[in-house]
Each structure stands twice: as C-alpha cells, then as structure tokens.
Amino acid sequence: MNQPNASNLSGILRPIAVPPSSSEPIFVLGSVRSGTSAIGQALTRGAGIAGHDEGHVTTLLQVALSSVDKVVGNYPSAGGSYLIQSFDAAGFKTHIRNYFAAFFAQHCPAGRWADKSPDDFEGAPAIRAAPVLLEMFPKARFVYCQRRGIENVLSRVSKFPHVPFWYHCRSWATTVSAWHETRAKLGSSWIEVRQERMALEPAKVATELAQFLGLNETQRAGLQQSLANDRPEQSRPAGEARSLTMADAGWDPGLQGVFLQECTDAMKLAGYSFEGGSHGEDLVRLFWASAESSASTTLRGLSHDMHRALNRDDFVLGPPAAGARAELIYHDLAIRTRRSFRARLATQGDPGLVVEYSVEVRDGNGRVIASGKARAAAGAPEVPLAISLPAGDNEVVSVTISTQAVQGKVNANSIAEWRSPAFHP
C-alpha cells in the first residue's frame, strides 16, 4: 500500500474544492409522514423527472460535516497540548464535500433530478444540509412538506408503533424548527407545501410547483394526476378536511402532556392551533389496505393481489372464490359526528356474475350501530350503497366492508370495485 509522502501531503491535507455543479436537483424535505412520498412520486412518476424512491445521502453528508465540527470544537484552542488542535477541520470538510459531489455526479444525471429524503434523525440533518447543497448545486430547488403536528404524530405512531411516543413528537418538532432556521439561508430557492393542500387542492399545488420549478404543461399535468390519484404510504383512513384535537387522536392525558411539552413551540412556529375544525368537506375516506396500514386495517379471506388501489378514491376488494367472503376491517376509526356512509359499487366479469357488497359499523363496545348491503351485477351500471349513522358523537368505531359473489362464476377477470367509500357529515 502506498503511503503519503511529503510531495503529496499538501494536496491531501489542503484539497481544492470541486467546482459547483450545473445540475438542477430538486430536494424534497420534511418530516416523515408529511407528504414527502406524495411529492416525490409526483415529481418522478408524474412529471417524469429522474430520481430514486428515497435518497438519504444528503442526511449522511450533513451528519459527517457536523460531526467534524462537534469533535474538533470540543477541545480548546489554547491551554494544554492536544494533537487535534492542529487538525484542519476546513480541509477535512472539503474532502467530505468533494466525495459527495463526486458521488452525485456518478449516480445522478447531469440535468434535473429529484431527491426525496424525509427526516427522522436527530437534529433533522436532511433539512440542515440544504445550505451546503445550495453551494454545491446553485440551481437546486427545495420543496419542504409540512404537516400539522397532531396528524403527523398520529400517522407516525400508526406506521411505527414500536417507536416511543415522545420521540415521534420531538422528531416532528425538531424538523419544524430546523426548517425555519434553514430556509432563511436559501434565498428564493424554496417552496413550502402543506400536506392538507396536497389532498384537498391537488390542481393548485401542482400549478404552484410547476411554476416554481419551471416545468412544462405536460409535467404539470403529470404532477396533478399523481397528487390527485395516488396515495403512497397512507397509513390511516383519510380525513384531510378536518384538523384533529388531541382528544380526537385518542391520546390519554399522559400522551397529551407529552405532545404539549414537545410540540407546543413548533405548533406555534408553523402556524397551527390546537383546536380542531373543518376546512373543506368533512369526509373520512376509506382506502385500500397497504402494508403501511397494517396497524389500522385487517384483510381477511382474500390475498393482497386481489385487493389494490385503482386511484385516490377507489379500490378493488375481490371478489373471492364463490362461497367465500372477503372482509376489510378498519380499526379505531374516528368518525365522530359524520352522519352517513356512502359508496358506489361496480362489478366487472363474466355475464351473470353478481356480487354482494356490505358495510357494518360497530361502536367501541362491539355493538353494531349501522349496517347495509347492496348487489351489483357485472356489466350493469354502478349501484349506490348508503347507510345512516346514529345521531350524536359516534366517537371511535370499527368498520367492516365485505364482498361476496352470490351468483355466477368468479375468474381472473372478476373485479369488485368500491368507489369513493367515505363517511359524510
């Protein structure tokens, strides 16, 4: 192995910085469970911009750079004899930046590309890396995804139940504070997108993003299509039009106290109140049971390849083989004062196939408080299914929807569709 010698020590210890890149990356930032997946997918699959499902290389860049400062800065510059006092931190950090610049040049295209790196690390390093990234990529753009703390923590707990509640709260709050400190250093190269607007106003968000990023009309339309129809990594039935209170989230007084302690300042900083309320049609929409929703849904009597999303609002639930019943159960669903459940049903398959669709709502004691059934035949127009719920606050319930072929033959072409299933005010 060749050893450093006097002739090359200078180049190693005092490296020359790699010139800034002319690439135009789009860095998607934000807390986990804040809509970063929706924006990342809209950019790559909707607008056709190159990118990976997730990056996290920028996280490592910031952790490496901050570790240098943390260690070197821990020792006094005067008093005592420490070898580390002779360490050139700036030169070492240039080495680090040069390595990451070379890595991006090797693995990312020369023009425009997207990097989605949601934060769930101590100190929100992906966000704090943004100023360094802007130096490395002067044409970079940053899309920050923001979600209200109560909804974010509720979603985090649903997907990552093994992680302590206090950590979810602290991680979200750290992300908010890190963004507000960082964005002042980014000039006009950033835009903030709120998760509830992605869900309620996909066309407006797509237009704003396209204008900010300089995308063409085809790309804008792709963004809109993706934001309107795709639901990546959704972990709970959706109620985007309503802001939850801590009580709505189902947290006991102890958990509420933890949230208040960890998140009060961040809630204020991000402009959120602790009050619940509606800001649109106050629906709770049901959705297909993805792997991310396993904590809040149970699929029975059907393999996952026969249960899939068709778009943002509609999904397939079988039908299973003749004589069998497919059930999708939603646990701990806060419907509160919604007054009805409505869906549209459609069956595809061989002539003569008839599928029975049913819904059953149970209260916290397991008592059925509402139920209904309807049948839809293959080739016939879609059929409505509607049930009324008891007056008052129905609080948290479990909901079971099911499909069963009651007539005709089930084969590979058979499809039972639930269209826009939702609880309405």
Protein backbone atom coordinates (compact mmCIF):
# COMPACT_ATOMS: atom_id res chain seq x y z
CA MET A 1 0.00 0.00 0.00
CA ASN A 2 1.42 3.41 -0.95
CA GLN A 3 1.97 5.73 2.00
CA PRO A 4 1.57 9.54 1.89
CA ASN A 5 4.85 11.34 1.37
CA ALA A 6 5.99 14.91 1.60
CA SER A 7 5.26 15.57 -2.06
CA ASN A 8 1.55 14.75 -1.82
CA LEU A 9 0.74 15.61 1.78
CA SER A 10 -0.21 19.18 0.87
CA GLY A 11 -2.78 18.05 -1.67
CA ILE A 12 -4.32 15.63 0.79
CA LEU A 13 -4.42 17.97 3.77
CA ARG A 14 -5.45 21.09 1.85
CA PRO A 15 -7.64 19.82 -1.03
CA ILE A 16 -9.07 22.08 -3.69
CA ALA A 17 -12.87 22.22 -3.62
CA VAL A 18 -14.72 20.70 -6.56
CA PRO A 19 -16.41 23.49 -8.56
CA PRO A 20 -20.19 23.88 -8.13
CA SER A 21 -22.30 21.62 -10.31
CA SER A 22 -24.54 22.89 -13.10
CA SER A 23 -27.15 20.19 -12.32
CA GLU A 24 -30.64 21.26 -11.23
CA PRO A 25 -31.66 18.89 -8.42
CA ILE A 26 -34.96 19.14 -6.57
CA PHE A 27 -34.60 18.21 -2.91
CA VAL A 28 -37.86 17.15 -1.23
CA LEU A 29 -37.60 17.75 2.52
CA GLY A 30 -39.81 17.43 5.58
CA SER A 31 -40.68 15.17 8.46
CA VAL A 32 -41.58 11.58 7.73
CA ARG A 33 -45.36 11.20 7.27
CA SER A 34 -45.72 14.77 5.96
CA GLY A 35 -46.40 14.18 2.27
CA THR A 36 -42.80 13.77 1.05
CA SER A 37 -43.70 10.47 -0.63
CA ALA A 38 -46.62 12.09 -2.47
CA ILE A 39 -44.43 14.94 -3.74
CA GLY A 40 -41.50 12.68 -4.58
CA GLN A 41 -43.72 10.31 -6.53
CA ALA A 42 -45.45 13.21 -8.30
CA LEU A 43 -42.08 14.52 -9.47
CA THR A 44 -40.64 11.19 -10.61
CA ARG A 45 -43.65 9.21 -11.83
CA GLY A 46 -45.97 12.10 -12.57
CA ALA A 47 -43.61 14.67 -14.10
CA GLY A 48 -41.08 12.13 -15.36
CA ILE A 49 -38.08 13.57 -13.50
CA ALA A 50 -35.27 11.15 -12.69
CA GLY A 51 -34.93 10.09 -9.07
CA HIS A 52 -34.96 7.26 -6.54
CA ASP A 53 -37.76 6.32 -4.16
CA GLU A 54 -35.66 7.80 -1.34
CA GLY A 55 -32.19 9.31 -1.10
CA HIS A 56 -30.78 9.91 2.40
CA VAL A 57 -27.31 10.60 1.02
CA THR A 58 -27.80 14.23 1.99
CA THR A 59 -28.52 13.07 5.54
CA LEU A 60 -25.13 11.36 5.66
CA LEU A 61 -23.44 14.45 4.18
CA GLN A 62 -24.76 16.68 6.96
CA VAL A 63 -24.05 14.15 9.72
CA ALA A 64 -20.45 13.83 8.50
CA LEU A 65 -19.91 17.60 8.31
CA SER A 66 -21.50 18.34 11.67
CA SER A 67 -19.53 15.52 13.32
CA VAL A 68 -16.29 17.22 12.31
CA ASP A 69 -17.38 20.48 13.97
CA LYS A 70 -18.70 18.65 17.01
CA VAL A 71 -15.48 16.75 17.69
CA VAL A 72 -12.95 19.44 16.77
CA GLY A 73 -14.92 22.16 18.54
CA ASN A 74 -15.00 20.12 21.74
CA TYR A 75 -11.37 20.90 22.50
CA PRO A 76 -9.90 24.28 23.48
CA SER A 77 -7.67 26.14 21.09
CA ALA A 78 -5.41 27.20 23.94
CA GLY A 79 -4.22 25.53 27.09
CA GLY A 80 -2.73 22.06 27.10
CA SER A 81 -1.24 20.12 24.22
CA TYR A 82 -3.78 18.38 22.00
CA LEU A 83 -2.88 16.92 18.63
CA ILE A 84 -6.40 17.67 17.40
CA GLN A 85 -5.67 21.38 17.80
CA SER A 86 -3.52 21.02 14.68
CA PHE A 87 -6.32 19.37 12.72
CA ASP A 88 -7.51 21.33 9.68
CA ALA A 89 -11.28 20.91 10.03
CA ALA A 90 -11.95 23.05 6.95
CA GLY A 91 -9.65 20.90 4.80
CA PHE A 92 -11.26 17.69 6.02
CA LYS A 93 -14.76 19.07 5.36
CA THR A 94 -13.65 19.96 1.82
CA HIS A 95 -12.65 16.30 1.40
CA ILE A 96 -16.13 15.27 2.53
CA ARG A 97 -17.89 17.68 0.20
CA ASN A 98 -15.71 16.62 -2.72
CA TYR A 99 -16.57 12.97 -2.12
CA PHE A 100 -20.30 13.65 -2.07
CA ALA A 101 -20.03 15.88 -5.16
CA ALA A 102 -18.32 13.00 -6.98
CA PHE A 103 -20.95 10.55 -5.70
CA PHE A 104 -23.82 12.67 -7.01
CA ALA A 105 -22.02 13.16 -10.34
CA GLN A 106 -21.65 9.40 -10.70
CA HIS A 107 -25.16 8.37 -9.66
CA CYS A 108 -27.38 11.26 -10.78
CA PRO A 109 -27.95 12.70 -14.27
CA ALA A 110 -26.27 15.88 -15.40
CA GLY A 111 -29.50 17.86 -15.69
CA ARG A 112 -32.58 17.76 -13.48
CA TRP A 113 -33.20 15.08 -10.87
CA ALA A 114 -35.21 14.69 -7.69
CA ASP A 115 -34.10 13.56 -4.24
CA LYS A 116 -36.63 12.74 -1.51
CA SER A 117 -35.04 12.45 1.93
CA PRO A 118 -37.60 12.74 4.74
CA ASP A 119 -36.19 13.46 8.19
CA ASP A 120 -36.45 11.15 11.16
CA PHE A 121 -32.92 11.56 12.51
CA GLU A 122 -31.73 13.55 15.48
CA GLY A 123 -31.34 17.19 14.50
CA ALA A 124 -33.13 16.91 11.12
CA PRO A 125 -29.87 16.61 9.12
CA ALA A 126 -31.50 16.33 5.68
CA ILE A 127 -33.04 19.78 6.18
CA ARG A 128 -29.91 21.27 7.70
CA ALA A 129 -27.88 20.07 4.71
CA ALA A 130 -29.80 22.42 2.38
CA PRO A 131 -27.40 25.43 2.58
CA VAL A 132 -24.40 23.22 1.76
CA LEU A 133 -26.35 21.60 -1.07
CA LEU A 134 -27.16 25.02 -2.48
CA GLU A 135 -23.45 25.83 -2.53
CA MET A 136 -22.75 22.55 -4.31
CA PHE A 137 -25.74 22.96 -6.67
CA PRO A 138 -26.51 26.68 -7.18
CA LYS A 139 -29.51 25.79 -9.37
CA ALA A 140 -31.03 23.48 -6.75
CA ARG A 141 -34.62 23.87 -5.60
CA PHE A 142 -36.05 22.76 -2.26
CA VAL A 143 -39.61 21.57 -1.69
CA TYR A 144 -40.49 21.43 2.00
CA CYS A 145 -43.51 19.34 3.00
CA GLN A 146 -45.30 20.45 6.17
CA ARG A 147 -47.99 18.61 8.12
CA ARG A 148 -49.75 19.59 11.32
CA GLY A 149 -48.20 18.04 14.40
CA ILE A 150 -51.20 16.10 15.76
CA GLU A 151 -51.91 14.42 12.43
CA ASN A 152 -48.23 13.80 11.79
CA VAL A 153 -47.61 12.14 15.15
CA LEU A 154 -50.82 10.10 14.81
CA SER A 155 -49.60 8.83 11.42
CA ARG A 156 -46.11 8.14 12.76
CA VAL A 157 -47.50 6.07 15.63
CA SER A 158 -49.67 4.10 13.21
CA LYS A 159 -46.77 3.19 10.92
CA PHE A 160 -44.02 2.94 13.55
CA PRO A 161 -45.78 1.71 16.72
CA HIS A 162 -42.53 0.37 18.19
CA VAL A 163 -41.00 3.88 18.39
CA PRO A 164 -41.62 5.78 21.67
CA PHE A 165 -44.37 8.39 21.50
CA TRP A 166 -42.09 11.10 22.87
CA TYR A 167 -39.61 10.50 20.05
CA HIS A 168 -42.30 10.95 17.38
CA CYS A 169 -43.27 14.25 18.99
CA ARG A 170 -39.71 15.50 19.39
CA SER A 171 -38.71 14.45 15.88
CA TRP A 172 -41.62 16.33 14.29
CA ALA A 173 -40.92 19.44 16.38
CA THR A 174 -37.20 19.34 15.55
CA THR A 175 -38.00 19.16 11.86
CA VAL A 176 -40.19 22.25 12.06
CA SER A 177 -37.60 24.29 13.96
CA ALA A 178 -34.78 23.13 11.68
CA TRP A 179 -36.71 24.22 8.61
CA HIS A 180 -37.47 27.66 9.97
CA GLU A 181 -33.80 28.16 10.82
CA THR A 182 -32.61 26.83 7.47
CA ARG A 183 -34.95 28.40 4.95
CA ALA A 184 -33.63 31.90 5.69
CA LYS A 185 -30.32 30.76 4.19
CA LEU A 186 -31.85 29.55 0.92
CA GLY A 187 -32.94 32.81 -0.68
CA SER A 188 -35.73 32.22 -3.20
CA SER A 189 -34.82 28.59 -3.89
CA TRP A 190 -37.50 27.04 -1.66
CA ILE A 191 -41.24 26.45 -1.59
CA GLU A 192 -43.40 25.07 1.22
CA VAL A 193 -46.27 22.68 0.54
CA ARG A 194 -48.78 21.77 3.26
CA GLN A 195 -49.98 18.19 3.29
CA GLU A 196 -53.65 19.09 3.67
CA ARG A 197 -53.47 21.21 0.50
CA MET A 198 -51.96 18.32 -1.46
CA ALA A 199 -55.03 16.30 -0.56
CA LEU A 200 -57.70 18.99 -0.95
CA GLU A 201 -56.25 21.16 -3.74
CA PRO A 202 -54.04 18.95 -5.94
CA ALA A 203 -54.56 21.09 -9.05
CA LYS A 204 -53.49 24.31 -7.29
CA VAL A 205 -50.49 22.65 -5.66
CA ALA A 206 -49.43 21.14 -8.99
CA THR A 207 -49.65 24.54 -10.69
CA GLU A 208 -47.65 26.25 -7.94
CA LEU A 209 -44.96 23.57 -8.03
CA ALA A 210 -44.74 23.64 -11.82
CA GLN A 211 -44.32 27.41 -11.84
CA PHE A 212 -41.70 27.31 -9.08
CA LEU A 213 -39.72 24.53 -10.78
CA GLY A 214 -40.17 25.79 -14.34
CA LEU A 215 -41.93 22.65 -15.56
CA ASN A 216 -43.83 22.41 -18.83
CA GLU A 217 -47.55 21.79 -19.17
CA THR A 218 -47.16 18.04 -19.67
CA GLN A 219 -45.16 17.81 -16.47
CA ARG A 220 -47.66 19.99 -14.60
CA ALA A 221 -50.48 17.70 -15.70
CA GLY A 222 -48.46 14.70 -14.54
CA LEU A 223 -47.96 16.31 -11.15
CA GLN A 224 -51.68 16.95 -10.83
CA GLN A 225 -52.59 13.44 -11.92
CA SER A 226 -50.26 11.91 -9.35
CA LEU A 227 -51.31 14.16 -6.48
CA ALA A 228 -55.00 13.64 -7.24
CA ASN A 229 -54.95 9.87 -7.71
CA ASP A 230 -52.03 8.30 -5.87
CA ARG A 231 -51.89 7.63 -2.15
CA PRO A 232 -48.35 6.42 -1.40
CA GLU A 233 -47.78 5.13 2.12
CA GLN A 234 -51.13 6.21 3.54
CA SER A 235 -51.44 4.61 6.95
CA ARG A 236 -54.95 5.60 8.06
CA PRO A 237 -58.35 6.38 6.55
CA ALA A 238 -58.19 9.96 5.38
CA GLY A 239 -59.88 12.97 6.92
CA GLU A 240 -57.81 15.77 5.42
CA ALA A 241 -60.61 18.31 5.63
CA ARG A 242 -60.64 18.27 9.42
CA SER A 243 -57.97 19.32 11.90
CA LEU A 244 -57.92 16.96 14.88
CA THR A 245 -57.74 17.79 18.54
CA MET A 246 -55.56 15.69 20.81
CA ALA A 247 -58.73 14.06 22.12
CA ASP A 248 -59.77 13.24 18.54
CA ALA A 249 -56.43 11.45 18.16
CA GLY A 250 -57.41 9.15 21.03
CA TRP A 251 -54.50 10.14 23.28
CA ASP A 252 -54.89 9.82 27.04
CA PRO A 253 -53.97 12.77 29.31
CA GLY A 254 -50.43 11.45 29.71
CA LEU A 255 -49.75 11.37 25.98
CA GLN A 256 -51.41 14.76 25.56
CA GLY A 257 -49.00 16.13 28.14
CA VAL A 258 -46.03 14.71 26.23
CA PHE A 259 -47.24 16.27 22.99
CA LEU A 260 -47.74 19.64 24.65
CA GLN A 261 -44.28 19.56 26.19
CA GLU A 262 -42.50 18.56 22.98
CA CYS A 263 -44.55 20.26 20.28
CA THR A 264 -46.18 23.45 21.60
CA ASP A 265 -43.45 25.79 20.32
CA ALA A 266 -43.28 24.05 16.94
CA MET A 267 -47.06 24.16 16.52
CA LYS A 268 -46.97 27.92 17.06
CA LEU A 269 -43.93 28.35 14.81
CA ALA A 270 -45.65 26.52 11.96
CA GLY A 271 -48.88 28.49 12.46
CA TYR A 272 -51.04 25.65 13.78
CA SER A 273 -53.56 25.84 16.59
CA PHE A 274 -54.57 23.03 18.92
CA GLU A 275 -58.23 23.46 18.01
CA GLY A 276 -59.95 21.03 15.69
CA GLY A 277 -62.21 22.12 12.89
CA SER A 278 -63.20 21.70 9.28
CA HIS A 279 -61.61 23.40 6.29
CA GLY A 280 -63.45 21.67 3.46
CA GLU A 281 -65.95 18.84 3.03
CA ASP A 282 -65.50 16.93 6.26
CA LEU A 283 -65.17 13.38 4.94
CA VAL A 284 -63.40 10.35 6.32
CA ARG A 285 -62.46 8.34 3.26
CA LEU A 286 -61.67 4.65 3.38
CA PHE A 287 -58.74 3.39 1.36
CA TRP A 288 -57.04 0.15 0.34
CA ALA A 289 -55.06 -1.75 2.98
CA SER A 290 -51.40 -1.29 2.06
CA ALA A 291 -48.51 -2.69 4.08
CA GLU A 292 -48.21 0.71 5.78
CA SER A 293 -51.77 0.46 7.10
CA SER A 294 -51.39 -2.97 8.73
CA ALA A 295 -51.71 -1.45 12.22
CA SER A 296 -55.10 0.07 11.42
CA THR A 297 -56.64 -2.45 8.99
CA THR A 298 -57.10 -6.20 8.65
CA LEU A 299 -57.73 -8.06 5.39
CA ARG A 300 -59.46 -11.42 5.61
CA GLY A 301 -60.48 -14.07 3.10
CA LEU A 302 -58.53 -12.56 0.23
CA SER A 303 -54.95 -12.42 -0.99
CA HIS A 304 -53.37 -8.99 -1.32
CA ASP A 305 -53.02 -9.34 -5.09
CA MET A 306 -56.83 -9.20 -5.31
CA HIS A 307 -57.07 -6.03 -3.22
CA ARG A 308 -55.48 -2.97 -4.81
CA ALA A 309 -55.96 0.75 -5.26
CA LEU A 310 -57.36 2.00 -8.56
CA ASN A 311 -56.76 5.67 -7.80
CA ARG A 312 -57.01 8.10 -4.90
CA ASP A 313 -60.62 7.24 -4.07
CA ASP A 314 -61.43 3.78 -5.47
CA PHE A 315 -60.15 0.28 -4.83
CA VAL A 316 -60.79 -3.37 -5.66
CA LEU A 317 -61.80 -5.86 -2.97
CA GLY A 318 -62.02 -9.21 -4.75
CA PRO A 319 -64.40 -10.86 -5.20
CA PRO A 320 -63.05 -14.08 -3.67
CA ALA A 321 -63.97 -17.52 -4.98
CA ALA A 322 -67.64 -18.44 -4.96
CA GLY A 323 -68.89 -19.15 -1.46
CA ALA A 324 -66.13 -17.20 0.26
CA ARG A 325 -66.30 -13.70 1.74
CA ALA A 326 -63.60 -11.02 1.63
CA GLU A 327 -63.52 -8.61 4.57
CA LEU A 328 -61.57 -5.42 5.12
CA ILE A 329 -61.74 -4.20 8.71
CA TYR A 330 -60.78 -0.66 9.73
CA HIS A 331 -59.87 -0.43 13.40
CA ASP A 332 -60.25 2.58 15.70
CA LEU A 333 -61.74 4.87 13.10
CA ALA A 334 -62.79 8.27 14.48
CA ILE A 335 -65.97 9.11 12.57
CA ARG A 336 -67.30 11.38 15.35
CA THR A 337 -70.29 13.34 14.04
CA ARG A 338 -70.35 12.06 10.47
CA ARG A 339 -73.93 11.14 9.72
CA SER A 340 -73.77 8.69 6.82
CA PHE A 341 -71.60 6.26 4.91
CA ARG A 342 -71.81 6.30 1.13
CA ALA A 343 -70.09 4.41 -1.65
CA ARG A 344 -70.67 3.44 -5.27
CA LEU A 345 -70.29 -0.19 -6.28
CA ALA A 346 -69.37 -1.74 -9.62
CA THR A 347 -68.76 -5.31 -10.70
CA GLN A 348 -66.76 -6.48 -13.70
CA GLY A 349 -66.52 -10.01 -15.04
CA ASP A 350 -68.44 -12.63 -16.96
CA PRO A 351 -72.15 -12.03 -17.60
CA GLY A 352 -74.23 -13.39 -14.77
CA LEU A 353 -71.76 -12.51 -12.02
CA VAL A 354 -73.45 -10.76 -9.10
CA VAL A 355 -71.51 -9.53 -6.07
CA GLU A 356 -72.99 -8.57 -2.73
CA TYR A 357 -71.29 -5.63 -1.01
CA SER A 358 -71.88 -4.92 2.67
CA VAL A 359 -70.76 -2.49 5.36
CA GLU A 360 -71.04 -2.83 9.13
CA VAL A 361 -70.15 -0.22 11.75
CA ARG A 362 -69.53 -1.23 15.39
CA ASP A 363 -69.07 1.05 18.38
CA GLY A 364 -66.33 0.75 20.98
CA ASN A 365 -68.27 -1.99 22.78
CA GLY A 366 -68.56 -4.12 19.65
CA ARG A 367 -72.25 -3.33 19.14
CA VAL A 368 -73.47 -2.89 15.56
CA ILE A 369 -74.75 0.66 15.18
CA ALA A 370 -75.26 0.72 11.40
CA SER A 371 -75.14 -1.72 8.50
CA GLY A 372 -76.26 -2.12 4.92
CA LYS A 373 -75.98 -4.25 1.79
CA ALA A 374 -76.32 -3.86 -1.96
CA ARG A 375 -75.76 -6.03 -5.01
CA ALA A 376 -74.12 -5.10 -8.30
CA ALA A 377 -74.06 -7.25 -11.45
CA ALA A 378 -71.27 -7.42 -14.00
CA GLY A 379 -71.90 -5.13 -16.94
CA ALA A 380 -74.65 -3.20 -15.15
CA PRO A 381 -74.43 0.46 -14.04
CA GLU A 382 -72.81 1.16 -10.69
CA VAL A 383 -75.03 0.80 -7.63
CA PRO A 384 -75.13 3.17 -4.63
CA LEU A 385 -74.75 1.94 -1.07
CA ALA A 386 -75.73 4.31 1.73
CA ILE A 387 -76.38 3.87 5.45
CA SER A 388 -77.31 6.34 8.17
CA LEU A 389 -75.48 6.59 11.48
CA PRO A 390 -76.95 7.34 14.92
CA ALA A 391 -77.22 10.98 15.97
CA GLY A 392 -74.65 12.42 18.34
CA ASP A 393 -70.93 11.75 18.65
CA ASN A 394 -70.22 8.21 17.50
CA GLU A 395 -66.60 8.61 18.56
CA VAL A 396 -64.25 5.76 17.57
CA VAL A 397 -65.67 2.76 15.72
CA SER A 398 -64.59 -0.26 13.73
CA VAL A 399 -65.83 -0.63 10.17
CA THR A 400 -66.04 -3.84 8.16
CA ILE A 401 -66.69 -3.80 4.42
CA SER A 402 -67.04 -7.08 2.55
CA THR A 403 -67.67 -8.56 -0.87
CA GLN A 404 -69.08 -11.96 -1.79
CA ALA A 405 -70.06 -13.48 -5.11
CA VAL A 406 -73.67 -14.62 -4.76
CA GLN A 407 -74.36 -15.58 -8.36
CA GLY A 408 -72.35 -16.52 -11.44
CA LYS A 409 -68.73 -17.53 -11.93
CA VAL A 410 -65.65 -15.89 -10.43
CA ASN A 411 -62.49 -15.95 -12.54
CA ALA A 412 -59.37 -13.88 -13.25
CA ASN A 413 -61.47 -11.18 -14.94
CA SER A 414 -63.78 -10.66 -11.95
CA ILE A 415 -63.46 -7.33 -10.13
CA ALA A 416 -65.47 -5.88 -7.25
CA GLU A 417 -64.95 -2.10 -7.01
CA TRP A 418 -65.59 0.18 -4.05
CA ARG A 419 -65.83 3.68 -5.45
CA SER A 420 -65.36 6.70 -3.16
CA PRO A 421 -66.25 4.93 0.11
CA ALA A 422 -66.47 7.61 2.80
CA PHE A 423 -68.26 8.83 5.90
CA HIS A 424 -70.04 12.13 5.29
CA PRO A 425 -71.26 14.92 7.60
